[in-house]
Amino acid sequence: MHMTDGPLQGRVAFVTGAARGQGRTHAVRLAKDGADIVALDICAPVSATVPYPSATRDELAETVELVEAQGRKIIARIADVRDLAATKQLVDEAMAVFGRLDILIANAGVLSWGRLWELSEEEWETVINVNLSGTWRTVRAVVPAMIAAGNGGSIVIVSSATGLKATPGNGHYSASKHGLVGLTNALAIETGEYGIRVNSIHPYSVATPMVQGEAMTELFGRWPHYLHSFAPMPYRPLSATGESVSTDAILPDEVSDVVAWLAGPGSATLSGSQIVIDRGVMKY
């Protein structure tokens, strides 16, 4: 173990969907910068309509090990963001242990595919209830504790590029992520007097289990004219030798770099902002 005197030293961060993917890398990165972590994940199937495997208890345990390897404390619990009482219980536990909450990373979300008029009610309701209502419930549970702690803080709402520009074949997901923009902006106004900043991030094509090549291939096979809505990334990072790195996805760690900046003092003037993490895709 090693301790850090990073920019988040003494802070406590609440992270949803923390068992793997972006949630894990956000938790580990914030720990590296000095924060103790409160981690939540359902670690079970969300719905039969979600076409990829859910995170597991073992994956959440691995997140715990990775955070502790940074020399930080972590409380990790299995809970569903759709369950306000369970989320509030974890907040109460965190306040009892740490006495404060300074950062919220509302990351938990799910994705499924289908045209809007062909979706089942379960497909629609699962995505809306997890992504939008689940984020509201997380906010409902965490923000009163942040205000009571009296230390201000930073909230990062994980939306998507589809929260700013719709894409075909996942309109329910896009609707949920557009809703998070409204939530972010209203919450930024409402919490500003308490020294709490609220911003949303909008990643495009992050390399996590949510991004499924087979599902995309099937989508374009059925409706090839949708392909133009999923543009390639114009910006390509350069390798150490100066060659362009060909990649069709952003790494979770790259998103976590932005999350850590928004959580820390370097972004102190930002609130109510939408930060696009897309290597220029939105400019097409």
Protein backbone atom coordinates (compact mmCIF):
# COMPACT_ATOMS: atom_id res chain seq x y z
CA MET A 1 0.00 0.00 0.00
CA HIS A 2 1.00 3.61 -0.44
CA MET A 3 -0.60 6.83 0.69
CA THR A 4 -0.96 9.83 -1.51
CA ASP A 5 -1.13 13.55 -0.84
CA GLY A 6 -3.02 14.14 -4.06
CA PRO A 7 -5.51 16.90 -4.83
CA LEU A 8 -8.39 14.92 -3.30
CA GLN A 9 -6.67 14.14 0.00
CA GLY A 10 -9.23 14.02 2.80
CA ARG A 11 -12.22 13.84 0.44
CA VAL A 12 -14.77 11.03 0.19
CA ALA A 13 -16.27 9.99 -3.16
CA PHE A 14 -19.50 8.05 -3.74
CA VAL A 15 -19.37 6.06 -7.01
CA THR A 16 -22.22 4.06 -8.53
CA GLY A 17 -21.73 1.19 -10.95
CA ALA A 18 -18.30 0.72 -9.40
CA ALA A 19 -17.72 -3.01 -9.92
CA ARG A 20 -16.13 -2.69 -13.36
CA GLY A 21 -15.79 -0.50 -16.45
CA GLN A 22 -15.89 3.26 -16.02
CA GLY A 23 -17.15 3.04 -12.45
CA ARG A 24 -14.15 1.00 -11.37
CA THR A 25 -11.61 3.21 -13.09
CA HIS A 26 -13.25 6.33 -11.66
CA ALA A 27 -13.07 4.88 -8.15
CA VAL A 28 -9.45 3.82 -8.50
CA ARG A 29 -8.38 7.11 -10.05
CA LEU A 30 -10.06 9.17 -7.32
CA ALA A 31 -8.39 6.95 -4.72
CA LYS A 32 -5.04 7.52 -6.42
CA ASP A 33 -5.69 11.25 -6.05
CA GLY A 34 -6.30 10.81 -2.32
CA ALA A 35 -10.03 10.18 -1.86
CA ASP A 36 -11.64 7.46 0.19
CA ILE A 37 -14.36 5.63 -1.74
CA VAL A 38 -17.95 4.54 -1.23
CA ALA A 39 -18.79 2.06 -3.99
CA LEU A 40 -22.18 0.74 -5.06
CA ASP A 41 -23.11 -1.82 -7.72
CA ILE A 42 -26.06 -4.14 -8.30
CA CYS A 43 -23.79 -7.12 -9.11
CA ALA A 44 -26.75 -8.99 -10.59
CA PRO A 45 -28.80 -9.02 -13.79
CA VAL A 46 -30.74 -5.81 -14.18
CA SER A 47 -33.27 -7.13 -16.71
CA ALA A 48 -33.52 -9.82 -19.37
CA THR A 49 -33.74 -6.95 -21.87
CA VAL A 50 -30.12 -5.89 -21.21
CA PRO A 51 -28.10 -7.90 -23.76
CA TYR A 52 -24.76 -8.16 -21.93
CA PRO A 53 -23.72 -9.73 -18.61
CA SER A 54 -23.98 -7.65 -15.45
CA ALA A 55 -21.11 -7.03 -13.09
CA THR A 56 -20.43 -9.65 -10.42
CA ARG A 57 -19.61 -9.75 -6.73
CA ASP A 58 -16.10 -10.87 -7.60
CA GLU A 59 -15.63 -7.83 -9.81
CA LEU A 60 -16.76 -5.53 -7.00
CA ALA A 61 -14.30 -7.29 -4.69
CA GLU A 62 -11.57 -6.61 -7.24
CA THR A 63 -12.48 -2.93 -7.22
CA VAL A 64 -12.06 -2.98 -3.43
CA GLU A 65 -8.58 -4.48 -3.79
CA LEU A 66 -7.56 -1.92 -6.40
CA VAL A 67 -8.71 0.99 -4.25
CA GLU A 68 -7.00 -0.39 -1.17
CA ALA A 69 -3.81 -0.81 -3.19
CA GLN A 70 -3.81 2.98 -3.46
CA GLY A 71 -3.72 3.16 0.33
CA ARG A 72 -7.30 4.41 0.62
CA LYS A 73 -10.32 3.17 2.55
CA ILE A 74 -13.40 1.87 0.75
CA ILE A 75 -16.92 0.84 1.67
CA ALA A 76 -18.40 -1.34 -1.08
CA ARG A 77 -21.98 -2.56 -1.02
CA ILE A 78 -24.33 -4.39 -3.36
CA ALA A 79 -27.37 -2.23 -4.08
CA ASP A 80 -29.59 -1.13 -6.95
CA VAL A 81 -29.74 2.58 -7.83
CA ARG A 82 -33.46 2.04 -8.46
CA ASP A 83 -33.81 1.35 -4.70
CA LEU A 84 -33.75 4.67 -2.86
CA ALA A 85 -33.88 3.10 0.59
CA ALA A 86 -30.85 0.90 -0.11
CA THR A 87 -28.86 3.80 -1.52
CA LYS A 88 -29.79 5.99 1.44
CA GLN A 89 -28.69 3.21 3.80
CA LEU A 90 -25.25 3.19 2.19
CA VAL A 91 -25.06 6.99 2.45
CA ASP A 92 -25.88 6.76 6.16
CA GLU A 93 -23.18 4.13 6.62
CA ALA A 94 -20.65 6.26 4.78
CA MET A 95 -21.45 9.29 6.91
CA ALA A 96 -21.10 7.21 10.07
CA VAL A 97 -17.66 5.96 8.98
CA PHE A 98 -16.20 9.00 7.21
CA GLY A 99 -18.31 11.89 8.52
CA ARG A 100 -18.51 13.51 5.10
CA LEU A 101 -19.26 13.08 1.41
CA ASP A 102 -17.54 15.44 -1.02
CA ILE A 103 -17.82 13.86 -4.46
CA LEU A 104 -20.57 11.99 -6.27
CA ILE A 105 -19.91 10.13 -9.50
CA ALA A 106 -23.35 9.03 -10.78
CA ASN A 107 -22.11 6.44 -13.24
CA ALA A 108 -24.51 3.46 -13.14
CA GLY A 109 -26.31 2.87 -16.41
CA VAL A 110 -27.52 0.24 -18.89
CA LEU A 111 -28.04 0.04 -22.64
CA SER A 112 -30.21 -2.00 -24.97
CA TRP A 113 -31.05 -1.74 -28.66
CA GLY A 114 -34.21 -1.31 -30.72
CA ARG A 115 -36.25 1.25 -32.61
CA LEU A 116 -38.47 3.33 -30.37
CA TRP A 117 -41.82 2.14 -31.69
CA GLU A 118 -40.71 -1.51 -31.46
CA LEU A 119 -39.40 -1.48 -27.89
CA SER A 120 -41.21 -3.44 -25.21
CA GLU A 121 -42.35 -1.60 -22.10
CA GLU A 122 -39.69 -3.45 -20.12
CA GLU A 123 -36.94 -2.34 -22.50
CA TRP A 124 -38.03 1.29 -22.20
CA GLU A 125 -38.65 1.26 -18.46
CA THR A 126 -35.42 -0.55 -17.58
CA VAL A 127 -33.23 1.99 -19.35
CA ILE A 128 -35.18 5.01 -18.09
CA ASN A 129 -35.46 3.69 -14.53
CA VAL A 130 -31.76 2.88 -14.19
CA ASN A 131 -30.18 5.70 -16.15
CA LEU A 132 -32.45 8.63 -15.36
CA SER A 133 -34.58 7.78 -12.34
CA GLY A 134 -31.72 5.81 -10.75
CA THR A 135 -29.47 8.85 -11.07
CA TRP A 136 -32.16 11.03 -9.49
CA ARG A 137 -32.51 8.56 -6.62
CA THR A 138 -28.74 8.62 -6.14
CA VAL A 139 -28.82 12.41 -6.04
CA ARG A 140 -31.77 12.29 -3.65
CA ALA A 141 -29.81 10.07 -1.29
CA VAL A 142 -26.39 11.74 -1.50
CA VAL A 143 -26.96 15.49 -1.84
CA PRO A 144 -28.58 16.05 1.58
CA ALA A 145 -25.54 14.39 3.19
CA MET A 146 -23.16 16.57 1.17
CA ILE A 147 -25.04 19.68 2.24
CA ALA A 148 -25.12 18.56 5.89
CA ALA A 149 -21.36 17.94 5.84
CA GLY A 150 -20.88 21.59 4.88
CA ASN A 151 -17.78 21.11 2.75
CA GLY A 152 -19.19 21.92 -0.68
CA GLY A 153 -18.21 19.35 -3.27
CA SER A 154 -18.42 18.16 -6.84
CA ILE A 155 -21.01 16.01 -8.58
CA VAL A 156 -20.25 14.38 -11.93
CA ILE A 157 -23.24 12.98 -13.81
CA VAL A 158 -22.19 10.38 -16.39
CA SER A 159 -24.32 10.98 -19.45
CA SER A 160 -23.22 10.10 -22.99
CA ALA A 161 -22.54 11.63 -26.38
CA THR A 162 -26.06 10.42 -27.13
CA GLY A 163 -27.23 12.77 -24.39
CA LEU A 164 -26.36 15.65 -26.69
CA LYS A 165 -26.92 14.14 -30.14
CA ALA A 166 -29.40 11.35 -30.73
CA THR A 167 -28.37 8.13 -32.44
CA PRO A 168 -30.80 5.68 -34.07
CA GLY A 169 -31.42 2.25 -32.60
CA ASN A 170 -31.10 3.32 -28.98
CA GLY A 171 -33.51 6.22 -28.65
CA HIS A 172 -34.59 5.19 -25.15
CA TYR A 173 -30.95 5.32 -24.03
CA SER A 174 -30.57 8.71 -25.72
CA ALA A 175 -33.73 9.98 -24.03
CA SER A 176 -32.42 8.90 -20.62
CA LYS A 177 -29.06 10.58 -21.23
CA HIS A 178 -30.66 13.78 -22.56
CA GLY A 179 -32.70 13.80 -19.34
CA LEU A 180 -29.48 13.78 -17.34
CA VAL A 181 -28.49 17.08 -18.96
CA GLY A 182 -31.62 18.72 -17.58
CA LEU A 183 -31.00 17.12 -14.19
CA THR A 184 -27.40 18.33 -14.19
CA ASN A 185 -28.21 21.90 -15.10
CA ALA A 186 -31.07 22.29 -12.64
CA LEU A 187 -29.07 20.66 -9.85
CA ALA A 188 -26.13 22.99 -10.53
CA ILE A 189 -28.41 25.97 -9.90
CA GLU A 190 -30.03 24.47 -6.82
CA THR A 191 -26.84 23.32 -5.06
CA GLY A 192 -24.62 26.26 -5.96
CA GLU A 193 -25.41 28.14 -2.74
CA TYR A 194 -23.97 25.19 -0.80
CA GLY A 195 -20.67 25.26 -2.68
CA ILE A 196 -21.52 22.14 -4.68
CA ARG A 197 -20.66 22.05 -8.37
CA VAL A 198 -22.52 19.79 -10.82
CA ASN A 199 -21.32 18.88 -14.31
CA SER A 200 -22.11 16.13 -16.79
CA ILE A 201 -19.68 14.18 -18.96
CA HIS A 202 -20.56 12.81 -22.38
CA PRO A 203 -18.28 9.95 -23.46
CA TYR A 204 -18.47 8.35 -26.89
CA SER A 205 -17.76 4.65 -27.49
CA VAL A 206 -15.90 3.70 -24.31
CA ALA A 207 -14.30 0.24 -24.24
CA THR A 208 -16.52 -1.44 -21.63
CA PRO A 209 -18.89 -4.46 -21.70
CA MET A 210 -21.72 -2.07 -22.58
CA VAL A 211 -20.26 -1.49 -26.05
CA GLN A 212 -21.10 -4.62 -28.04
CA GLY A 213 -19.68 -5.15 -31.51
CA GLU A 214 -22.22 -7.86 -32.34
CA ALA A 215 -25.17 -5.65 -31.45
CA MET A 216 -23.81 -2.83 -33.57
CA THR A 217 -23.16 -5.17 -36.49
CA GLU A 218 -26.72 -6.48 -36.29
CA LEU A 219 -28.08 -2.93 -36.14
CA PHE A 220 -26.19 -1.85 -39.26
CA GLY A 221 -27.07 -5.08 -41.03
CA ARG A 222 -30.78 -4.38 -40.59
CA TRP A 223 -30.61 -0.63 -41.16
CA PRO A 224 -27.39 0.24 -42.99
CA HIS A 225 -28.44 3.86 -43.42
CA TYR A 226 -27.97 4.29 -39.66
CA LEU A 227 -24.22 3.90 -40.07
CA HIS A 228 -23.66 7.57 -40.81
CA SER A 229 -24.87 8.47 -37.30
CA PHE A 230 -21.95 6.59 -35.73
CA ALA A 231 -19.01 8.62 -36.98
CA PRO A 232 -15.35 7.64 -36.56
CA MET A 233 -13.17 9.66 -34.21
CA PRO A 234 -11.30 12.36 -36.14
CA TYR A 235 -8.62 12.79 -33.48
CA ARG A 236 -6.12 9.93 -33.21
CA PRO A 237 -3.57 9.90 -30.38
CA LEU A 238 0.05 9.56 -31.45
CA SER A 239 2.31 6.74 -30.29
CA ALA A 240 5.76 7.30 -28.84
CA THR A 241 7.14 7.00 -32.37
CA GLY A 242 4.79 9.66 -33.70
CA GLU A 243 2.48 7.25 -35.50
CA SER A 244 -1.29 7.60 -35.33
CA VAL A 245 -2.88 5.09 -32.97
CA SER A 246 -5.84 3.48 -34.70
CA THR A 247 -8.59 2.92 -32.15
CA ASP A 248 -12.37 2.86 -32.33
CA ALA A 249 -12.95 3.27 -28.60
CA ILE A 250 -11.93 5.50 -25.73
CA LEU A 251 -10.42 3.75 -22.72
CA PRO A 252 -12.16 4.02 -19.34
CA ASP A 253 -8.96 5.43 -17.83
CA GLU A 254 -9.13 8.31 -20.30
CA VAL A 255 -12.63 9.16 -19.09
CA SER A 256 -11.44 8.91 -15.49
CA ASP A 257 -8.82 11.58 -16.18
CA VAL A 258 -11.66 14.00 -16.93
CA VAL A 259 -13.72 12.81 -13.95
CA ALA A 260 -10.79 13.36 -11.59
CA TRP A 261 -10.31 16.88 -12.97
CA LEU A 262 -13.99 17.70 -12.49
CA ALA A 263 -13.87 16.29 -8.95
CA GLY A 264 -10.82 18.34 -8.02
CA PRO A 265 -9.83 21.98 -7.54
CA GLY A 266 -8.58 22.45 -11.10
CA SER A 267 -12.17 22.79 -12.38
CA ALA A 268 -13.36 25.07 -9.56
CA THR A 269 -15.10 27.53 -11.91
CA LEU A 270 -17.16 24.89 -13.74
CA SER A 271 -20.75 24.10 -12.83
CA GLY A 272 -23.66 23.26 -15.09
CA SER A 273 -21.29 22.32 -17.91
CA GLN A 274 -21.50 19.46 -20.40
CA ILE A 275 -18.04 18.01 -21.04
CA VAL A 276 -17.81 15.97 -24.24
CA ILE A 277 -15.25 13.13 -24.26
CA ASP A 278 -15.34 12.02 -27.87
CA ARG A 279 -12.09 12.86 -29.71
CA GLY A 280 -14.01 15.27 -31.89
CA VAL A 281 -16.88 13.05 -33.06
CA MET A 282 -19.55 15.62 -32.18
CA LYS A 283 -18.06 18.05 -34.71
CA TYR A 284 -19.17 15.93 -37.66
